[in-house]
């Protein structure tokens, strides 16, 4: 079954669908570094299909250049990644490019940028002025053009209440006018093997002759923790960068069950950001408070010598430790700006989490390579749909679509 991934980000959602047996015919994404990541992952899936993953491993270990690597990948695979912003001026050329493949589209997936509806951006004026809040119309134009049997649309819970619910009402009405029965629910990522309390709205649309309602996605009953996800990764100092390194322990139940090590005996991009002495002192206090009694550090409670500004009423929980004995709070793109909201729970390490640790919190397998700088990788990870959650959705969608066929 063939699908198009719109507003694809780093292709976390695609990863889940590909692993469920779906075939991507196009990824459309405006961020150049994310597109490089998608191309590299598309190359991985191609090389896996011809049993030549050693060549991929050479690349992510830094043993060959990107130029040498990409030369061995069919052009049609790399060209299926469209680095373009979807808007009124570009959409027809995107349609034309995708249609060159002359392949039937069974499914469209994706979620327009969601910052406009996030809890940090809930000012009514901001939402009304932000052009991103109408990107669902561009998504709908793809539905009209390609007429897939179904679609899966992902976004943040704030979508439901934006403009007092009017925005979501208009969105559903629009998709229904295009010929789809529309259903939605709020999913929590930790129910699908992701060690993160991430909540997302999932909207499923079915062609009216193909209506299955909102699918019941299979949940994972056993609860796993951040400690399970981090268990085999080497300890790092602030600013330490291990581009390639060995695991320190054998696979535990969590890593085995969800195949996060994915058959490789090394891990890449275990990279931490440097911190100044003031931040390290704050992190130490935050970790001690959390590990002792699960108490969050509040900015006003810091000693005066550690405070950097006078605002003690906004974002008082800006320093937040990841719960090593439970699931993490939501990983968002702001992790690219600083690590204060994602402090490692191990006092001996006293730092914010690494790129690979952030990827593990999002359930990316260890052979998933993020292109670009450290900040670019963090941004891609924070914006992504967790592959394990996407996979749970994909497996059920495939079952229902195959049932219809």
Protein backbone atom coordinates (compact mmCIF):
# COMPACT_ATOMS: atom_id res chain seq x y z
CA UNK A 1 0.00 0.00 0.00
CA UNK A 2 1.37 3.35 -1.10
CA UNK A 3 1.36 6.54 0.94
CA UNK A 4 2.39 10.19 0.80
CA UNK A 5 3.82 11.83 3.93
CA UNK A 6 3.03 15.55 4.15
CA UNK A 7 4.83 17.96 6.49
CA UNK A 8 7.03 14.93 7.04
CA UNK A 9 9.58 16.34 9.49
CA UNK A 10 12.31 13.76 10.09
CA UNK A 11 9.90 10.99 8.93
CA UNK A 12 9.13 9.51 12.35
CA UNK A 13 5.56 8.85 11.26
CA UNK A 14 6.75 7.29 8.00
CA UNK A 15 9.10 5.02 9.90
CA UNK A 16 6.16 3.48 11.73
CA UNK A 17 4.19 3.01 8.52
CA UNK A 18 7.12 1.58 6.57
CA UNK A 19 7.77 -0.95 9.34
CA UNK A 20 4.12 -1.99 9.06
CA UNK A 21 4.57 -2.73 5.35
CA UNK A 22 3.46 0.52 3.70
CA UNK A 23 5.42 1.95 0.75
CA UNK A 24 6.28 5.69 0.68
CA UNK A 25 6.07 7.29 -2.75
CA UNK A 26 6.77 10.85 -1.58
CA UNK A 27 7.78 12.84 1.47
CA UNK A 28 7.11 16.58 1.41
CA UNK A 29 8.94 18.74 3.95
CA UNK A 30 10.14 22.38 3.95
CA UNK A 31 13.12 22.01 6.34
CA UNK A 32 16.30 21.20 4.40
CA UNK A 33 18.08 19.34 7.21
CA UNK A 34 15.01 17.20 7.92
CA UNK A 35 14.88 16.34 4.20
CA UNK A 36 18.49 15.17 4.34
CA UNK A 37 17.51 12.95 7.28
CA UNK A 38 14.59 11.51 5.29
CA UNK A 39 16.87 10.82 2.31
CA UNK A 40 19.37 9.02 4.51
CA UNK A 41 16.60 6.94 6.06
CA UNK A 42 15.13 6.19 2.62
CA UNK A 43 18.60 5.00 1.63
CA UNK A 44 18.62 2.76 4.71
CA UNK A 45 15.33 1.11 3.73
CA UNK A 46 16.55 0.63 0.15
CA UNK A 47 19.84 -0.94 1.27
CA UNK A 48 17.96 -3.15 3.72
CA UNK A 49 15.77 -4.39 0.84
CA UNK A 50 18.87 -5.48 -1.14
CA UNK A 51 20.66 -6.88 1.92
CA UNK A 52 23.46 -4.33 1.92
CA UNK A 53 23.14 -2.54 5.25
CA UNK A 54 26.90 -2.70 5.84
CA UNK A 55 27.22 0.12 3.34
CA UNK A 56 24.74 2.20 5.36
CA UNK A 57 26.64 1.46 8.57
CA UNK A 58 29.85 2.69 6.93
CA UNK A 59 28.15 6.00 6.27
CA UNK A 60 26.66 6.61 9.72
CA UNK A 61 29.99 5.66 11.30
CA UNK A 62 31.65 8.38 9.21
CA UNK A 63 33.79 5.94 7.22
CA UNK A 64 32.53 7.23 3.84
CA UNK A 65 31.25 10.62 2.73
CA UNK A 66 27.65 11.49 2.00
CA UNK A 67 28.59 12.02 -1.66
CA UNK A 68 29.95 8.47 -1.97
CA UNK A 69 27.00 7.10 -0.04
CA UNK A 70 24.28 8.82 -2.08
CA UNK A 71 25.92 7.80 -5.37
CA UNK A 72 24.97 4.19 -4.66
CA UNK A 73 21.29 5.00 -4.00
CA UNK A 74 18.85 5.09 -6.95
CA UNK A 75 18.01 8.68 -7.90
CA UNK A 76 14.27 7.99 -7.80
CA UNK A 77 14.52 7.16 -4.09
CA UNK A 78 16.37 10.35 -3.20
CA UNK A 79 14.14 12.42 -5.50
CA UNK A 80 11.01 11.15 -3.76
CA UNK A 81 11.93 13.53 -0.91
CA UNK A 82 10.60 16.96 -1.86
CA UNK A 83 12.23 19.84 0.00
CA UNK A 84 9.50 22.41 -0.52
CA UNK A 85 7.04 24.50 1.45
CA UNK A 86 3.46 23.55 0.66
CA UNK A 87 1.55 26.69 -0.30
CA UNK A 88 -0.67 28.08 -3.05
CA UNK A 89 2.31 28.81 -5.29
CA UNK A 90 3.99 25.40 -5.02
CA UNK A 91 1.22 22.86 -4.59
CA UNK A 92 0.51 22.21 -8.28
CA UNK A 93 4.19 21.54 -9.02
CA UNK A 94 4.25 19.10 -6.08
CA UNK A 95 1.22 17.30 -7.53
CA UNK A 96 2.93 17.10 -10.91
CA UNK A 97 6.16 15.73 -9.44
CA UNK A 98 4.40 13.01 -7.46
CA UNK A 99 2.18 12.03 -10.40
CA UNK A 100 5.25 11.29 -12.54
CA UNK A 101 5.45 8.00 -10.64
CA UNK A 102 2.02 6.97 -11.98
CA UNK A 103 1.42 5.07 -8.74
CA UNK A 104 -1.93 4.84 -7.02
CA UNK A 105 -2.05 6.51 -3.57
CA UNK A 106 -3.81 4.44 -0.89
CA UNK A 107 -3.13 6.65 2.10
CA UNK A 108 -1.98 10.15 3.04
CA UNK A 109 -0.37 10.76 6.43
CA UNK A 110 1.15 13.73 8.22
CA UNK A 111 0.44 16.69 10.42
CA UNK A 112 0.99 20.37 9.61
CA UNK A 113 3.28 22.31 11.98
CA UNK A 114 1.55 22.37 15.34
CA UNK A 115 3.26 25.23 17.18
CA UNK A 116 0.28 27.49 16.48
CA UNK A 117 -1.89 25.34 18.77
CA UNK A 118 0.64 24.44 21.43
CA UNK A 119 0.08 25.34 25.06
CA UNK A 120 2.92 27.84 24.80
CA UNK A 121 1.15 29.72 22.03
CA UNK A 122 -2.42 29.95 23.28
CA UNK A 123 -2.89 33.69 22.82
CA UNK A 124 -5.96 34.08 20.62
CA UNK A 125 -4.40 36.82 18.48
CA UNK A 126 -1.33 34.71 17.75
CA UNK A 127 -3.45 31.77 16.61
CA UNK A 128 -5.63 33.89 14.35
CA UNK A 129 -2.65 35.58 12.66
CA UNK A 130 -0.45 32.49 12.31
CA UNK A 131 -0.61 31.21 8.69
CA UNK A 132 0.10 27.67 9.88
CA UNK A 133 -3.40 27.32 11.29
CA UNK A 134 -4.83 26.99 7.77
CA UNK A 135 -2.37 24.39 6.49
CA UNK A 136 -5.05 21.73 6.88
CA UNK A 137 -6.55 23.24 3.70
CA UNK A 138 -3.36 22.40 1.80
CA UNK A 139 -3.53 18.90 3.29
CA UNK A 140 -7.09 18.65 1.99
CA UNK A 141 -6.01 19.64 -1.51
CA UNK A 142 -3.82 16.54 -1.58
CA UNK A 143 -6.84 14.45 -0.59
CA UNK A 144 -8.85 15.99 -3.42
CA UNK A 145 -6.05 15.47 -5.94
CA UNK A 146 -5.05 11.89 -5.07
CA UNK A 147 -8.29 10.50 -3.61
CA UNK A 148 -6.68 8.05 -1.13
CA UNK A 149 -8.85 5.47 0.59
CA UNK A 150 -7.98 7.00 3.95
CA UNK A 151 -5.83 9.56 5.72
CA UNK A 152 -4.16 9.96 9.13
CA UNK A 153 -3.68 13.52 10.42
CA UNK A 154 -1.64 14.15 13.58
CA UNK A 155 -1.51 17.25 15.77
CA UNK A 156 -1.31 18.59 19.32
CA UNK A 157 -4.32 18.57 21.69
CA UNK A 158 -4.49 22.38 21.45
CA UNK A 159 -5.99 21.92 17.99
CA UNK A 160 -9.29 20.94 19.63
CA UNK A 161 -9.68 24.20 21.54
CA UNK A 162 -8.08 26.74 19.19
CA UNK A 163 -10.47 29.65 18.55
CA UNK A 164 -12.85 28.12 21.11
CA UNK A 165 -13.20 24.96 19.06
CA UNK A 166 -14.24 26.70 15.85
CA UNK A 167 -11.01 25.88 14.07
CA UNK A 168 -11.37 22.14 14.64
CA UNK A 169 -15.04 22.27 13.68
CA UNK A 170 -14.11 23.93 10.38
CA UNK A 171 -11.34 21.40 9.78
CA UNK A 172 -13.67 18.42 10.18
CA UNK A 173 -16.34 20.03 8.04
CA UNK A 174 -13.80 20.68 5.29
CA UNK A 175 -12.58 17.08 5.22
CA UNK A 176 -16.17 15.83 5.13
CA UNK A 177 -16.94 18.05 2.14
CA UNK A 178 -14.02 16.34 0.39
CA UNK A 179 -15.82 13.01 0.78
CA UNK A 180 -14.34 11.56 3.99
CA UNK A 181 -15.93 10.36 7.19
CA UNK A 182 -13.83 11.93 9.94
CA UNK A 183 -13.04 10.61 13.43
CA UNK A 184 -10.59 11.66 16.10
CA UNK A 185 -9.22 10.71 19.49
CA UNK A 186 -6.38 11.71 21.80
CA UNK A 187 -3.62 9.11 22.04
CA UNK A 188 -0.91 8.91 24.71
CA UNK A 189 2.43 7.72 23.36
CA UNK A 190 3.30 5.68 26.47
CA UNK A 191 0.43 3.30 25.61
CA UNK A 192 2.37 2.20 22.52
CA UNK A 193 5.85 1.51 23.89
CA UNK A 194 7.15 5.09 23.91
CA UNK A 195 8.62 6.07 27.30
CA UNK A 196 7.03 9.49 27.12
CA UNK A 197 3.73 10.99 28.29
CA UNK A 198 3.17 12.59 24.91
CA UNK A 199 -0.45 13.28 23.97
CA UNK A 200 -1.47 13.79 20.36
CA UNK A 201 -4.72 14.21 18.47
CA UNK A 202 -5.07 11.61 15.73
CA UNK A 203 -7.67 12.31 13.06
CA UNK A 204 -8.57 9.40 10.79
CA UNK A 205 -10.56 9.93 7.62
CA UNK A 206 -12.15 7.22 5.48
CA UNK A 207 -13.70 7.43 2.04
CA UNK A 208 -17.42 7.12 2.65
CA UNK A 209 -17.62 3.66 1.05
CA UNK A 210 -14.71 2.53 3.18
CA UNK A 211 -15.80 3.65 6.67
CA UNK A 212 -14.38 1.83 9.71
CA UNK A 213 -14.88 4.56 12.30
CA UNK A 214 -12.01 5.38 14.65
CA UNK A 215 -9.73 2.31 14.81
CA UNK A 216 -8.88 0.62 18.08
CA UNK A 217 -5.10 0.62 18.20
CA UNK A 218 -3.41 -2.12 20.20
CA UNK A 219 -1.93 -0.84 23.44
CA UNK A 220 1.10 -2.08 25.34
CA UNK A 221 -0.03 -3.23 28.78
CA UNK A 222 3.32 -3.32 30.58
CA UNK A 223 4.79 0.02 31.60
CA UNK A 224 8.42 0.69 30.71
CA UNK A 225 10.59 3.53 31.98
CA UNK A 226 13.17 6.04 30.86
CA UNK A 227 15.69 4.00 32.84
CA UNK A 228 14.89 1.02 30.59
CA UNK A 229 15.47 3.15 27.51
CA UNK A 230 18.78 4.65 28.71
CA UNK A 231 20.21 1.55 30.39
CA UNK A 232 22.85 0.54 27.82
CA UNK A 233 24.11 3.97 26.77
CA UNK A 234 27.57 5.11 27.90
CA UNK A 235 27.74 7.77 30.60
CA UNK A 236 28.60 11.23 29.28
CA UNK A 237 30.07 14.42 30.65
CA UNK A 238 28.57 17.79 29.66
CA UNK A 239 29.75 18.64 26.15
CA UNK A 240 31.06 15.15 25.48
CA UNK A 241 30.41 13.86 21.97
CA UNK A 242 30.45 10.18 21.03
CA UNK A 243 29.64 10.08 17.33
CA UNK A 244 30.04 6.31 17.40
CA UNK A 245 30.37 4.14 20.47
CA UNK A 246 29.68 0.68 21.84
CA UNK A 247 26.85 -0.24 24.19
CA UNK A 248 27.77 -0.70 27.84
CA UNK A 249 25.22 -3.45 28.55
CA UNK A 250 23.34 -6.20 26.75
CA UNK A 251 19.76 -5.61 25.62
CA UNK A 252 17.11 -5.47 28.32
CA UNK A 253 13.47 -6.46 27.86
CA UNK A 254 12.40 -3.03 26.63
CA UNK A 255 15.13 -2.65 24.03
CA UNK A 256 14.57 -6.23 22.84
CA UNK A 257 10.78 -5.99 22.62
CA UNK A 258 10.75 -2.80 20.58
CA UNK A 259 13.95 -3.50 18.63
CA UNK A 260 15.48 -0.11 19.36
CA UNK A 261 19.00 -1.42 18.84
CA UNK A 262 17.80 -2.80 15.52
CA UNK A 263 20.53 -5.39 15.08
CA UNK A 264 23.51 -3.04 15.31
CA UNK A 265 26.35 -3.40 17.83
CA UNK A 266 27.13 0.31 18.05
CA UNK A 267 25.27 3.55 18.68
CA UNK A 268 25.71 6.91 17.00
CA UNK A 269 25.06 10.55 17.92
CA UNK A 270 25.38 10.12 21.68
CA UNK A 271 26.17 13.83 21.89
CA UNK A 272 25.58 16.10 24.86
CA UNK A 273 25.65 19.90 24.88
CA UNK A 274 28.09 21.84 27.06
CA UNK A 275 26.85 23.76 30.12
CA UNK A 276 28.27 26.64 32.11
CA UNK A 277 29.01 26.35 35.82
CA UNK A 278 25.82 28.15 36.87
CA UNK A 279 23.63 25.76 34.87
CA UNK A 280 25.46 22.75 36.26
CA UNK A 281 24.87 23.99 39.81
CA UNK A 282 21.18 24.44 39.03
CA UNK A 283 20.99 20.99 37.39
CA UNK A 284 22.56 19.41 40.45
CA UNK A 285 19.94 20.99 42.71
CA UNK A 286 17.12 19.97 40.34
CA UNK A 287 18.32 16.35 40.14
CA UNK A 288 18.70 16.05 43.91
CA UNK A 289 15.20 17.43 44.53
CA UNK A 290 13.64 15.13 41.94
CA UNK A 291 15.44 11.95 42.93
CA UNK A 292 14.83 12.52 46.64
CA UNK A 293 11.09 13.20 46.57
CA UNK A 294 9.96 13.75 42.96
CA UNK A 295 9.88 17.47 43.69
CA UNK A 296 10.35 19.89 40.81
CA UNK A 297 12.77 22.77 41.16
CA UNK A 298 11.00 26.14 40.99
CA UNK A 299 13.01 29.07 39.72
CA UNK A 300 12.08 31.39 42.65
CA UNK A 301 13.56 28.81 45.06
CA UNK A 302 17.04 29.09 43.59
CA UNK A 303 19.77 30.85 45.59
CA UNK A 304 20.13 34.46 44.44
CA UNK A 305 23.62 33.84 43.04
CA UNK A 306 22.20 31.30 40.57
CA UNK A 307 19.38 33.46 39.22
CA UNK A 308 19.92 35.16 35.88
CA UNK A 309 16.81 37.36 35.66
CA UNK A 310 14.13 38.96 37.82
CA UNK A 311 11.06 37.33 36.26
CA UNK A 312 9.95 34.86 38.91
CA UNK A 313 6.36 34.37 37.76
CA UNK A 314 6.69 33.02 34.20
CA UNK A 315 7.97 29.52 33.40
CA UNK A 316 8.97 28.82 36.96
CA UNK A 317 9.53 25.15 36.06
CA UNK A 318 12.03 25.90 33.31
CA UNK A 319 14.48 23.39 34.87
CA UNK A 320 12.98 19.93 34.64
CA UNK A 321 14.51 16.51 35.28
CA UNK A 322 13.47 13.58 33.10
CA UNK A 323 11.86 10.90 35.28
CA UNK A 324 14.27 7.95 35.18
CA UNK A 325 11.83 5.68 37.04
CA UNK A 326 8.79 6.58 34.97
CA UNK A 327 8.04 8.06 31.56
CA UNK A 328 9.38 11.37 30.33
CA UNK A 329 7.37 14.54 29.96
CA UNK A 330 6.77 15.55 26.34
CA UNK A 331 9.83 16.13 24.19
CA UNK A 332 9.35 19.25 22.05
CA UNK A 333 11.43 21.17 19.52
CA UNK A 334 12.55 23.70 22.16
CA UNK A 335 15.12 21.12 23.21
CA UNK A 336 17.16 22.55 20.31
CA UNK A 337 17.43 25.88 22.16
CA UNK A 338 18.66 24.63 25.55
CA UNK A 339 18.55 21.51 27.66
CA UNK A 340 17.06 22.99 30.83
CA UNK A 341 13.75 21.20 30.39
CA UNK A 342 15.39 17.81 29.80
CA UNK A 343 17.94 17.20 32.54
CA UNK A 344 19.37 13.69 32.83
CA UNK A 345 18.27 12.00 36.08
CA UNK A 346 21.75 10.65 36.88
CA UNK A 347 23.46 13.04 39.30
CA UNK A 348 26.88 11.66 38.34
CA UNK A 349 26.33 12.79 34.75
CA UNK A 350 24.68 16.14 35.65
CA UNK A 351 23.82 17.37 32.15
CA UNK A 352 20.91 17.63 29.77
CA UNK A 353 20.08 14.56 27.68
CA UNK A 354 22.04 13.67 24.56
CA UNK A 355 20.78 13.54 20.98
CA UNK A 356 20.56 9.75 21.13
CA UNK A 357 18.77 9.81 24.48
CA UNK A 358 16.21 12.24 23.07
CA UNK A 359 15.79 9.92 20.09
CA UNK A 360 15.23 6.98 22.45
CA UNK A 361 12.55 8.96 24.30
CA UNK A 362 10.84 9.36 20.93
CA UNK A 363 11.38 5.62 20.14
CA UNK A 364 13.64 6.12 17.12
CA UNK A 365 15.81 3.05 16.52
CA UNK A 366 19.54 3.52 17.09
CA UNK A 367 20.39 3.18 13.39
CA UNK A 368 18.18 6.16 12.58
CA UNK A 369 20.63 8.92 11.69
CA UNK A 370 19.76 12.62 12.01
CA UNK A 371 21.47 14.91 9.52
CA UNK A 372 22.65 18.43 10.35
CA UNK A 373 24.05 20.02 13.49
CA UNK A 374 23.36 18.94 17.06
CA UNK A 375 20.68 21.63 17.35
CA UNK A 376 19.12 20.55 14.04
CA UNK A 377 18.98 16.95 15.26
CA UNK A 378 17.31 17.99 18.53
CA UNK A 379 14.74 20.06 16.62
CA UNK A 380 13.91 17.19 14.27
CA UNK A 381 13.52 14.79 17.19
CA UNK A 382 11.32 17.18 19.18
CA UNK A 383 9.02 17.79 16.22
CA UNK A 384 8.66 14.11 15.33
CA UNK A 385 5.84 11.63 15.68
CA UNK A 386 7.22 8.70 17.75
CA UNK A 387 7.75 5.77 15.35
CA UNK A 388 6.36 3.21 17.81
CA UNK A 389 3.09 5.11 18.16
CA UNK A 390 2.95 5.57 14.38
CA UNK A 391 3.54 1.85 13.95
CA UNK A 392 0.59 0.96 16.18
CA UNK A 393 -1.60 3.23 14.05
CA UNK A 394 -0.16 1.86 10.81
CA UNK A 395 -0.70 -1.81 11.67
CA UNK A 396 -4.37 -1.26 12.38
CA UNK A 397 -4.87 0.94 9.31
CA UNK A 398 -3.29 -1.74 7.15
CA UNK A 399 -5.48 -4.44 8.65
CA UNK A 400 -8.63 -2.44 7.93
CA UNK A 401 -7.60 -1.36 4.43
CA UNK A 402 -6.66 -4.92 3.51
CA UNK A 403 -9.98 -6.14 4.94
CA UNK A 404 -11.77 -3.77 2.55
CA UNK A 405 -9.71 -4.93 -0.40
